[in-house]
Amino acid sequence: MKIAVLGAGTYGSYVINSLLEKYPDADITLFDVGDKNCKSESEIGYYSSLKNSLYKGLTDGRFFGFGGASVKWGGQLLTFTDNDFRHPDQFMRDVTALDGKYKDRMLAKFDIENKFPEKHISDGLFTKTGVWLSALHHDFFKWFKINKRKQVTIKANHRVVRL
């Protein structure tokens, strides 16, 4: 089975690990726009349609390379719940259901539990519970040893512009 994964950030690294747990003989090619040195949007030459926005977090907070923004900033594991959407479409209802089903299994990969329920404060306002990953656990690329997996071929400095 041949699989392509786009991006070696938090989600891409998690996906590769999960795929290899289920399909240990999979042949995975990982394409990342960066390399082992994390770079910002401007350093990588990435054009963002948000460049003229007053809020710079969406552009200046993005980093590319193995591990993505989590290497630079750390990370928080959050999942979607029914509280997140007033009128979710079917896709988001499915995502919420999958998050609920697999949340504990995903957290267990990091020896973490999150049993704190979300609490309603007022109409439309609730506490969102998440888990901050420690300094030693926030880089999923390293945590899951993606670069050491013989089933993974890494294509660094490759920007996918069309599928």
N, C-alpha and C. Protein backbone atom coordinates (compact mmCIF):
# COMPACT_ATOMS: atom_id res chain seq x y z
N MET A 1 0.84 -1.16 0.00
CA MET A 1 0.00 0.00 0.00
C MET A 1 0.90 1.23 0.00
N LYS A 2 0.67 2.12 -0.97
CA LYS A 2 1.43 3.36 -1.07
C LYS A 2 0.55 4.51 -0.62
N ILE A 3 1.12 5.37 0.25
CA ILE A 3 0.37 6.49 0.83
C ILE A 3 1.26 7.73 0.77
N ALA A 4 0.65 8.87 0.46
CA ALA A 4 1.36 10.15 0.52
C ALA A 4 0.77 10.96 1.66
N VAL A 5 1.64 11.59 2.44
CA VAL A 5 1.22 12.49 3.52
C VAL A 5 1.85 13.84 3.22
N LEU A 6 1.03 14.88 3.30
CA LEU A 6 1.51 16.23 3.03
C LEU A 6 1.71 16.96 4.35
N GLY A 7 2.96 17.24 4.67
CA GLY A 7 3.28 18.00 5.87
C GLY A 7 3.75 17.13 7.01
N ALA A 8 4.89 17.53 7.61
CA ALA A 8 5.48 16.79 8.72
C ALA A 8 5.23 17.49 10.04
N GLY A 9 4.18 18.30 10.09
CA GLY A 9 3.82 18.98 11.32
C GLY A 9 3.13 18.03 12.29
N THR A 10 2.48 18.60 13.26
CA THR A 10 1.83 17.82 14.30
C THR A 10 0.86 16.80 13.72
N TYR A 11 -0.04 17.26 12.86
CA TYR A 11 -1.07 16.35 12.35
C TYR A 11 -0.48 15.33 11.38
N GLY A 12 0.40 15.77 10.48
CA GLY A 12 1.01 14.84 9.53
C GLY A 12 1.80 13.75 10.23
N SER A 13 2.56 14.12 11.25
CA SER A 13 3.34 13.14 12.01
C SER A 13 2.44 12.17 12.76
N TYR A 14 1.37 12.68 13.33
CA TYR A 14 0.41 11.82 14.03
C TYR A 14 -0.24 10.85 13.05
N VAL A 15 -0.60 11.34 11.86
CA VAL A 15 -1.22 10.49 10.85
C VAL A 15 -0.28 9.38 10.43
N ILE A 16 0.99 9.70 10.20
CA ILE A 16 1.96 8.68 9.80
C ILE A 16 2.07 7.61 10.88
N ASN A 17 2.20 8.02 12.12
CA ASN A 17 2.28 7.05 13.21
C ASN A 17 1.04 6.16 13.26
N SER A 18 -0.13 6.76 13.14
CA SER A 18 -1.37 5.99 13.20
C SER A 18 -1.48 5.02 12.02
N LEU A 19 -1.08 5.48 10.83
CA LEU A 19 -1.12 4.60 9.66
C LEU A 19 -0.19 3.41 9.84
N LEU A 20 1.01 3.66 10.37
CA LEU A 20 1.96 2.56 10.55
C LEU A 20 1.55 1.61 11.66
N GLU A 21 0.78 2.08 12.63
CA GLU A 21 0.23 1.17 13.63
C GLU A 21 -0.76 0.21 12.99
N LYS A 22 -1.57 0.74 12.07
CA LYS A 22 -2.60 -0.08 11.43
C LYS A 22 -2.05 -0.86 10.23
N TYR A 23 -1.14 -0.26 9.48
CA TYR A 23 -0.57 -0.88 8.28
C TYR A 23 0.96 -0.83 8.37
N PRO A 24 1.56 -1.74 9.14
CA PRO A 24 3.01 -1.66 9.39
C PRO A 24 3.87 -1.80 8.14
N ASP A 25 3.33 -2.34 7.07
CA ASP A 25 4.11 -2.51 5.84
C ASP A 25 3.81 -1.44 4.80
N ALA A 26 3.07 -0.41 5.18
CA ALA A 26 2.74 0.66 4.24
C ALA A 26 4.01 1.35 3.75
N ASP A 27 3.97 1.81 2.53
CA ASP A 27 5.06 2.58 1.94
C ASP A 27 4.58 4.04 1.90
N ILE A 28 5.13 4.87 2.79
CA ILE A 28 4.65 6.24 2.95
C ILE A 28 5.69 7.22 2.42
N THR A 29 5.23 8.13 1.58
CA THR A 29 6.08 9.24 1.14
C THR A 29 5.55 10.50 1.80
N LEU A 30 6.43 11.16 2.53
CA LEU A 30 6.09 12.38 3.25
C LEU A 30 6.65 13.57 2.48
N PHE A 31 5.77 14.48 2.08
CA PHE A 31 6.18 15.71 1.40
C PHE A 31 6.06 16.86 2.39
N ASP A 32 7.14 17.62 2.55
CA ASP A 32 7.08 18.80 3.42
C ASP A 32 7.73 19.97 2.70
N VAL A 33 7.11 21.13 2.83
CA VAL A 33 7.62 22.34 2.18
C VAL A 33 8.93 22.78 2.84
N GLY A 34 9.16 22.36 4.07
CA GLY A 34 10.37 22.74 4.79
C GLY A 34 11.35 21.59 4.88
N ASP A 35 12.18 21.69 5.88
CA ASP A 35 13.17 20.65 6.14
C ASP A 35 13.42 20.59 7.64
N LYS A 36 14.58 20.09 8.06
CA LYS A 36 14.83 19.93 9.50
C LYS A 36 14.95 21.26 10.24
N ASN A 37 15.11 22.36 9.52
CA ASN A 37 15.15 23.69 10.13
C ASN A 37 13.81 24.36 9.95
N CYS A 38 13.09 24.60 11.04
CA CYS A 38 11.78 25.24 10.95
C CYS A 38 11.93 26.69 10.50
N LYS A 39 11.08 27.08 9.56
CA LYS A 39 11.12 28.43 9.02
C LYS A 39 9.72 29.02 9.04
N SER A 40 9.65 30.34 9.13
CA SER A 40 8.37 31.04 9.12
C SER A 40 7.86 31.12 7.69
N GLU A 41 6.63 31.65 7.53
CA GLU A 41 6.07 31.85 6.20
C GLU A 41 7.00 32.66 5.31
N SER A 42 7.49 33.78 5.83
CA SER A 42 8.34 34.63 4.99
C SER A 42 9.67 33.96 4.68
N GLU A 43 10.23 33.22 5.62
CA GLU A 43 11.50 32.54 5.37
C GLU A 43 11.37 31.43 4.33
N ILE A 44 10.21 30.80 4.28
CA ILE A 44 10.01 29.70 3.35
C ILE A 44 9.56 30.19 1.98
N GLY A 45 9.16 31.49 1.92
CA GLY A 45 8.68 32.05 0.66
C GLY A 45 7.23 31.70 0.39
N TYR A 46 6.47 31.50 1.45
CA TYR A 46 5.07 31.12 1.35
C TYR A 46 4.22 32.37 1.24
N TYR A 47 3.33 32.41 0.28
CA TYR A 47 2.44 33.55 0.13
C TYR A 47 1.17 33.28 0.91
N SER A 48 0.79 34.19 1.75
CA SER A 48 -0.43 34.05 2.52
C SER A 48 -1.40 35.15 2.13
N SER A 49 -2.65 34.79 1.92
CA SER A 49 -3.67 35.79 1.60
C SER A 49 -4.02 36.60 2.85
N LEU A 50 -3.47 36.22 4.00
CA LEU A 50 -3.76 36.91 5.25
C LEU A 50 -2.68 37.94 5.60
N LYS A 51 -1.73 38.17 4.71
CA LYS A 51 -0.60 39.05 5.02
C LYS A 51 -1.03 40.45 5.44
N ASN A 52 -2.13 40.96 4.92
CA ASN A 52 -2.56 42.32 5.24
C ASN A 52 -3.53 42.37 6.42
N SER A 53 -3.70 41.28 7.08
CA SER A 53 -4.60 41.22 8.23
C SER A 53 -3.98 41.94 9.42
N LEU A 54 -4.84 42.51 10.26
CA LEU A 54 -4.35 43.14 11.49
C LEU A 54 -3.85 42.10 12.48
N TYR A 55 -4.42 40.90 12.43
CA TYR A 55 -4.01 39.82 13.33
C TYR A 55 -2.88 39.04 12.68
N LYS A 56 -1.71 39.11 13.23
CA LYS A 56 -0.53 38.49 12.62
C LYS A 56 -0.29 37.05 13.08
N GLY A 57 -1.08 36.57 14.04
CA GLY A 57 -0.87 35.22 14.54
C GLY A 57 -1.04 34.15 13.48
N LEU A 58 -1.93 34.38 12.53
CA LEU A 58 -2.17 33.38 11.49
C LEU A 58 -1.02 33.29 10.50
N THR A 59 -0.28 34.37 10.33
CA THR A 59 0.85 34.33 9.41
C THR A 59 2.17 34.21 10.17
N ASP A 60 2.39 35.06 11.14
CA ASP A 60 3.67 35.07 11.83
C ASP A 60 3.84 33.90 12.79
N GLY A 61 2.75 33.24 13.14
CA GLY A 61 2.82 32.10 14.04
C GLY A 61 2.97 30.77 13.32
N ARG A 62 2.90 30.78 11.99
CA ARG A 62 3.02 29.55 11.22
C ARG A 62 4.49 29.24 10.93
N PHE A 63 4.87 28.00 11.15
CA PHE A 63 6.23 27.58 10.86
C PHE A 63 6.19 26.28 10.08
N PHE A 64 7.13 26.14 9.16
CA PHE A 64 7.18 24.97 8.29
C PHE A 64 8.48 24.23 8.53
N GLY A 65 8.43 22.94 8.36
CA GLY A 65 9.58 22.08 8.59
C GLY A 65 9.11 20.91 9.43
N PHE A 66 9.98 19.98 9.65
CA PHE A 66 9.61 18.76 10.36
C PHE A 66 9.18 19.12 11.78
N GLY A 67 7.94 18.90 12.10
CA GLY A 67 7.38 19.23 13.39
C GLY A 67 6.49 20.46 13.35
N GLY A 68 6.65 21.29 12.33
CA GLY A 68 5.79 22.45 12.14
C GLY A 68 5.84 23.44 13.29
N ALA A 69 4.74 24.15 13.48
CA ALA A 69 4.67 25.21 14.48
C ALA A 69 4.85 24.68 15.89
N SER A 70 4.55 23.40 16.12
CA SER A 70 4.69 22.87 17.47
C SER A 70 6.14 22.86 17.94
N VAL A 71 7.08 22.77 17.01
CA VAL A 71 8.50 22.80 17.37
C VAL A 71 8.84 24.17 17.96
N LYS A 72 8.27 25.21 17.38
CA LYS A 72 8.56 26.57 17.81
C LYS A 72 7.76 26.96 19.05
N TRP A 73 6.49 26.58 19.09
CA TRP A 73 5.60 27.09 20.13
C TRP A 73 5.13 26.06 21.15
N GLY A 74 5.38 24.81 20.91
CA GLY A 74 4.78 23.80 21.76
C GLY A 74 3.41 23.46 21.21
N GLY A 75 2.61 22.82 21.99
CA GLY A 75 1.32 22.45 21.44
C GLY A 75 0.30 22.14 22.51
N GLN A 76 -0.94 22.25 22.12
CA GLN A 76 -2.04 21.90 22.99
C GLN A 76 -2.93 20.94 22.24
N LEU A 77 -3.30 19.86 22.89
CA LEU A 77 -4.20 18.90 22.29
C LEU A 77 -5.63 19.26 22.66
N LEU A 78 -6.40 19.61 21.65
CA LEU A 78 -7.81 19.93 21.83
C LEU A 78 -8.63 19.03 20.91
N THR A 79 -9.82 18.71 21.32
CA THR A 79 -10.72 17.98 20.45
C THR A 79 -12.03 18.75 20.33
N PHE A 80 -12.72 18.52 19.24
CA PHE A 80 -14.03 19.14 19.05
C PHE A 80 -15.07 18.39 19.86
N THR A 81 -16.03 19.15 20.39
CA THR A 81 -17.17 18.56 21.08
C THR A 81 -18.44 19.20 20.54
N ASP A 82 -19.56 18.72 20.98
CA ASP A 82 -20.84 19.29 20.55
C ASP A 82 -20.96 20.76 20.94
N ASN A 83 -20.22 21.19 21.96
CA ASN A 83 -20.27 22.59 22.39
C ASN A 83 -19.68 23.55 21.36
N ASP A 84 -18.83 23.05 20.48
CA ASP A 84 -18.11 23.92 19.55
C ASP A 84 -18.95 24.46 18.40
N PHE A 85 -20.10 23.87 18.14
CA PHE A 85 -20.88 24.26 16.96
C PHE A 85 -22.35 24.39 17.31
N ARG A 86 -22.94 25.51 16.92
CA ARG A 86 -24.38 25.69 17.11
C ARG A 86 -25.18 24.88 16.10
N HIS A 87 -24.75 24.92 14.84
CA HIS A 87 -25.45 24.22 13.76
C HIS A 87 -24.43 23.51 12.87
N PRO A 88 -23.82 22.45 13.39
CA PRO A 88 -22.78 21.78 12.60
C PRO A 88 -23.36 21.07 11.37
N ASP A 89 -22.58 21.07 10.29
CA ASP A 89 -22.99 20.28 9.13
C ASP A 89 -22.61 18.83 9.41
N GLN A 90 -22.96 17.94 8.51
CA GLN A 90 -22.72 16.52 8.74
C GLN A 90 -21.24 16.22 8.90
N PHE A 91 -20.40 16.89 8.11
CA PHE A 91 -18.96 16.67 8.22
C PHE A 91 -18.47 16.96 9.63
N MET A 92 -18.85 18.10 10.21
CA MET A 92 -18.39 18.45 11.55
C MET A 92 -19.04 17.56 12.61
N ARG A 93 -20.25 17.09 12.40
CA ARG A 93 -20.84 16.12 13.33
C ARG A 93 -20.03 14.83 13.33
N ASP A 94 -19.58 14.42 12.14
CA ASP A 94 -18.74 13.21 12.03
C ASP A 94 -17.39 13.42 12.71
N VAL A 95 -16.77 14.59 12.50
CA VAL A 95 -15.48 14.89 13.13
C VAL A 95 -15.63 14.89 14.66
N THR A 96 -16.69 15.51 15.15
CA THR A 96 -16.92 15.55 16.60
C THR A 96 -17.10 14.14 17.16
N ALA A 97 -17.83 13.30 16.44
CA ALA A 97 -18.04 11.91 16.89
C ALA A 97 -16.71 11.15 16.92
N LEU A 98 -15.89 11.33 15.89
CA LEU A 98 -14.58 10.66 15.86
C LEU A 98 -13.68 11.17 16.98
N ASP A 99 -13.69 12.47 17.23
CA ASP A 99 -12.90 13.02 18.34
C ASP A 99 -13.32 12.39 19.66
N GLY A 100 -14.62 12.29 19.89
CA GLY A 100 -15.11 11.68 21.12
C GLY A 100 -14.71 10.22 21.25
N LYS A 101 -14.76 9.52 20.13
CA LYS A 101 -14.46 8.08 20.13
C LYS A 101 -12.97 7.80 20.39
N TYR A 102 -12.09 8.63 19.81
CA TYR A 102 -10.66 8.33 19.85
C TYR A 102 -9.84 9.23 20.78
N LYS A 103 -10.46 10.17 21.45
CA LYS A 103 -9.74 11.12 22.30
C LYS A 103 -8.84 10.41 23.32
N ASP A 104 -9.39 9.50 24.08
CA ASP A 104 -8.61 8.85 25.13
C ASP A 104 -7.48 8.00 24.56
N ARG A 105 -7.73 7.35 23.44
CA ARG A 105 -6.69 6.53 22.80
C ARG A 105 -5.53 7.41 22.32
N MET A 106 -5.87 8.57 21.75
CA MET A 106 -4.84 9.49 21.27
C MET A 106 -4.03 10.03 22.44
N LEU A 107 -4.69 10.46 23.50
CA LEU A 107 -3.97 10.99 24.66
C LEU A 107 -3.09 9.93 25.32
N ALA A 108 -3.53 8.68 25.29
CA ALA A 108 -2.75 7.59 25.91
C ALA A 108 -1.39 7.43 25.23
N LYS A 109 -1.28 7.81 23.97
CA LYS A 109 0.02 7.71 23.28
C LYS A 109 1.07 8.58 23.96
N PHE A 110 0.61 9.56 24.73
CA PHE A 110 1.52 10.47 25.42
C PHE A 110 1.46 10.29 26.93
N ASP A 111 0.85 9.20 27.38
CA ASP A 111 0.67 8.94 28.81
C ASP A 111 -0.06 10.09 29.48
N ILE A 112 -1.11 10.61 28.83
CA ILE A 112 -1.87 11.75 29.32
C ILE A 112 -3.33 11.35 29.45
N GLU A 113 -3.97 11.88 30.46
CA GLU A 113 -5.41 11.76 30.62
C GLU A 113 -6.00 13.16 30.70
N ASN A 114 -7.21 13.32 30.19
CA ASN A 114 -7.93 14.58 30.35
C ASN A 114 -9.38 14.22 30.66
N LYS A 115 -9.70 14.15 31.93
CA LYS A 115 -11.05 13.78 32.37
C LYS A 115 -11.85 14.99 32.84
N PHE A 116 -11.35 16.20 32.51
CA PHE A 116 -12.05 17.42 32.91
C PHE A 116 -13.17 17.72 31.94
N PRO A 117 -14.40 17.76 32.41
CA PRO A 117 -15.51 18.05 31.49
C PRO A 117 -15.58 19.54 31.15
N GLU A 118 -16.12 19.81 29.96
CA GLU A 118 -16.39 21.20 29.62
C GLU A 118 -17.59 21.65 30.44
N LYS A 119 -17.54 22.90 30.91
CA LYS A 119 -18.63 23.41 31.74
C LYS A 119 -19.25 24.63 31.07
N HIS A 120 -20.57 24.64 31.02
CA HIS A 120 -21.30 25.78 30.47
C HIS A 120 -21.32 26.91 31.49
N ILE A 121 -20.94 28.11 31.02
CA ILE A 121 -20.93 29.29 31.88
C ILE A 121 -22.19 30.11 31.62
N SER A 122 -22.51 30.29 30.36
CA SER A 122 -23.73 30.98 29.95
C SER A 122 -24.03 30.53 28.52
N ASP A 123 -25.08 31.04 27.94
CA ASP A 123 -25.45 30.65 26.59
C ASP A 123 -24.30 30.95 25.62
N GLY A 124 -23.78 29.91 24.98
CA GLY A 124 -22.71 30.07 24.01
C GLY A 124 -21.33 30.21 24.61
N LEU A 125 -21.20 30.15 25.92
CA LEU A 125 -19.89 30.29 26.56
C LEU A 125 -19.64 29.07 27.45
N PHE A 126 -18.52 28.43 27.20
CA PHE A 126 -18.18 27.23 27.98
C PHE A 126 -16.67 27.14 28.12
N THR A 127 -16.23 26.36 29.08
CA THR A 127 -14.80 26.15 29.24
C THR A 127 -14.37 25.07 28.25
N LYS A 128 -13.25 25.29 27.62
CA LYS A 128 -12.70 24.31 26.68
C LYS A 128 -11.53 23.65 27.37
N THR A 129 -11.54 22.35 27.48
CA THR A 129 -10.44 21.67 28.15
C THR A 129 -9.48 21.10 27.11
N GLY A 130 -8.23 21.21 27.40
CA GLY A 130 -7.20 20.69 26.54
C GLY A 130 -6.00 20.33 27.39
N VAL A 131 -5.00 19.80 26.75
CA VAL A 131 -3.79 19.39 27.45
C VAL A 131 -2.60 20.04 26.75
N TRP A 132 -1.81 20.79 27.51
CA TRP A 132 -0.58 21.34 26.97
C TRP A 132 0.48 20.25 26.99
N LEU A 133 1.16 20.08 25.89
CA LEU A 133 2.21 19.07 25.81
C LEU A 133 3.50 19.66 26.39
N SER A 134 4.22 18.85 27.10
CA SER A 134 5.45 19.32 27.73
C SER A 134 6.51 19.61 26.68
N ALA A 135 7.56 20.26 27.09
CA ALA A 135 8.66 20.62 26.18
C ALA A 135 9.26 19.38 25.52
N LEU A 136 9.20 18.25 26.18
CA LEU A 136 9.79 17.03 25.62
C LEU A 136 8.82 16.27 24.73
N HIS A 137 7.56 16.65 24.71
CA HIS A 137 6.56 15.88 23.97
C HIS A 137 5.86 16.66 22.86
N HIS A 138 6.16 17.94 22.68
CA HIS A 138 5.36 18.71 21.74
C HIS A 138 5.77 18.55 20.28
N ASP A 139 6.92 17.99 19.99
CA ASP A 139 7.35 17.78 18.61
C ASP A 139 6.99 16.36 18.19
N PHE A 140 5.83 16.22 17.55
CA PHE A 140 5.35 14.89 17.17
C PHE A 140 6.30 14.21 16.19
N PHE A 141 6.95 14.98 15.32
CA PHE A 141 7.88 14.39 14.36
C PHE A 141 8.98 13.62 15.10
N LYS A 142 9.51 14.21 16.16
CA LYS A 142 10.54 13.52 16.95
C LYS A 142 9.92 12.46 17.86
N TRP A 143 8.79 12.79 18.48
CA TRP A 143 8.15 11.88 19.42
C TRP A 143 7.84 10.53 18.75
N PHE A 144 7.32 10.60 17.51
CA PHE A 144 6.96 9.38 16.78
C PHE A 144 8.11 8.85 15.93
N LYS A 145 9.28 9.49 16.02
CA LYS A 145 10.50 9.04 15.30
C LYS A 145 10.24 8.83 13.81
N ILE A 146 9.56 9.80 13.19
CA ILE A 146 9.19 9.69 11.79
C ILE A 146 10.42 9.53 10.91
N ASN A 147 11.49 10.27 11.21
CA ASN A 147 12.70 10.19 10.37
C ASN A 147 13.44 8.87 10.51
N LYS A 148 13.09 8.06 11.50
CA LYS A 148 13.75 6.78 11.69
C LYS A 148 12.91 5.59 11.18
N ARG A 149 11.73 5.88 10.68
CA ARG A 149 10.84 4.82 10.18
C ARG A 149 11.27 4.41 8.77
N LYS A 150 11.64 3.15 8.62
CA LYS A 150 12.11 2.67 7.31
C LYS A 150 11.00 2.69 6.26
N GLN A 151 9.74 2.72 6.69
CA GLN A 151 8.63 2.73 5.75
C GLN A 151 8.34 4.12 5.20
N VAL A 152 9.04 5.15 5.72
CA VAL A 152 8.76 6.54 5.34
C VAL A 152 9.92 7.11 4.53
N THR A 153 9.57 7.60 3.35
CA THR A 153 10.52 8.34 2.51
C THR A 153 10.17 9.81 2.64
N ILE A 154 11.15 10.61 3.06
CA ILE A 154 10.89 12.04 3.29
C ILE A 154 11.38 12.85 2.11
N LYS A 155 10.48 13.66 1.57
CA LYS A 155 10.79 14.58 0.48
C LYS A 155 10.75 15.99 1.07
N ALA A 156 11.92 16.47 1.51
CA ALA A 156 12.00 17.80 2.10
C ALA A 156 12.05 18.86 1.00
N ASN A 157 11.69 20.09 1.37
CA ASN A 157 11.72 21.22 0.44
C ASN A 157 10.89 20.94 -0.81
N HIS A 158 9.76 20.30 -0.60
CA HIS A 158 8.82 19.99 -1.68
C HIS A 158 7.47 20.65 -1.37
N ARG A 159 7.07 21.54 -2.21
CA ARG A 159 5.77 22.19 -2.08
C ARG A 159 4.79 21.53 -3.04
N VAL A 160 3.73 20.97 -2.52
CA VAL A 160 2.69 20.35 -3.35
C VAL A 160 1.70 21.44 -3.74
N VAL A 161 1.56 21.67 -5.03
CA VAL A 161 0.66 22.72 -5.49
C VAL A 161 -0.53 22.18 -6.26
N ARG A 162 -0.49 20.90 -6.58
CA ARG A 162 -1.61 20.32 -7.33
C ARG A 162 -1.62 18.81 -7.10
N LEU A 163 -2.82 18.28 -6.95
CA LEU A 163 -2.98 16.83 -6.79
C LEU A 163 -3.70 16.28 -8.00
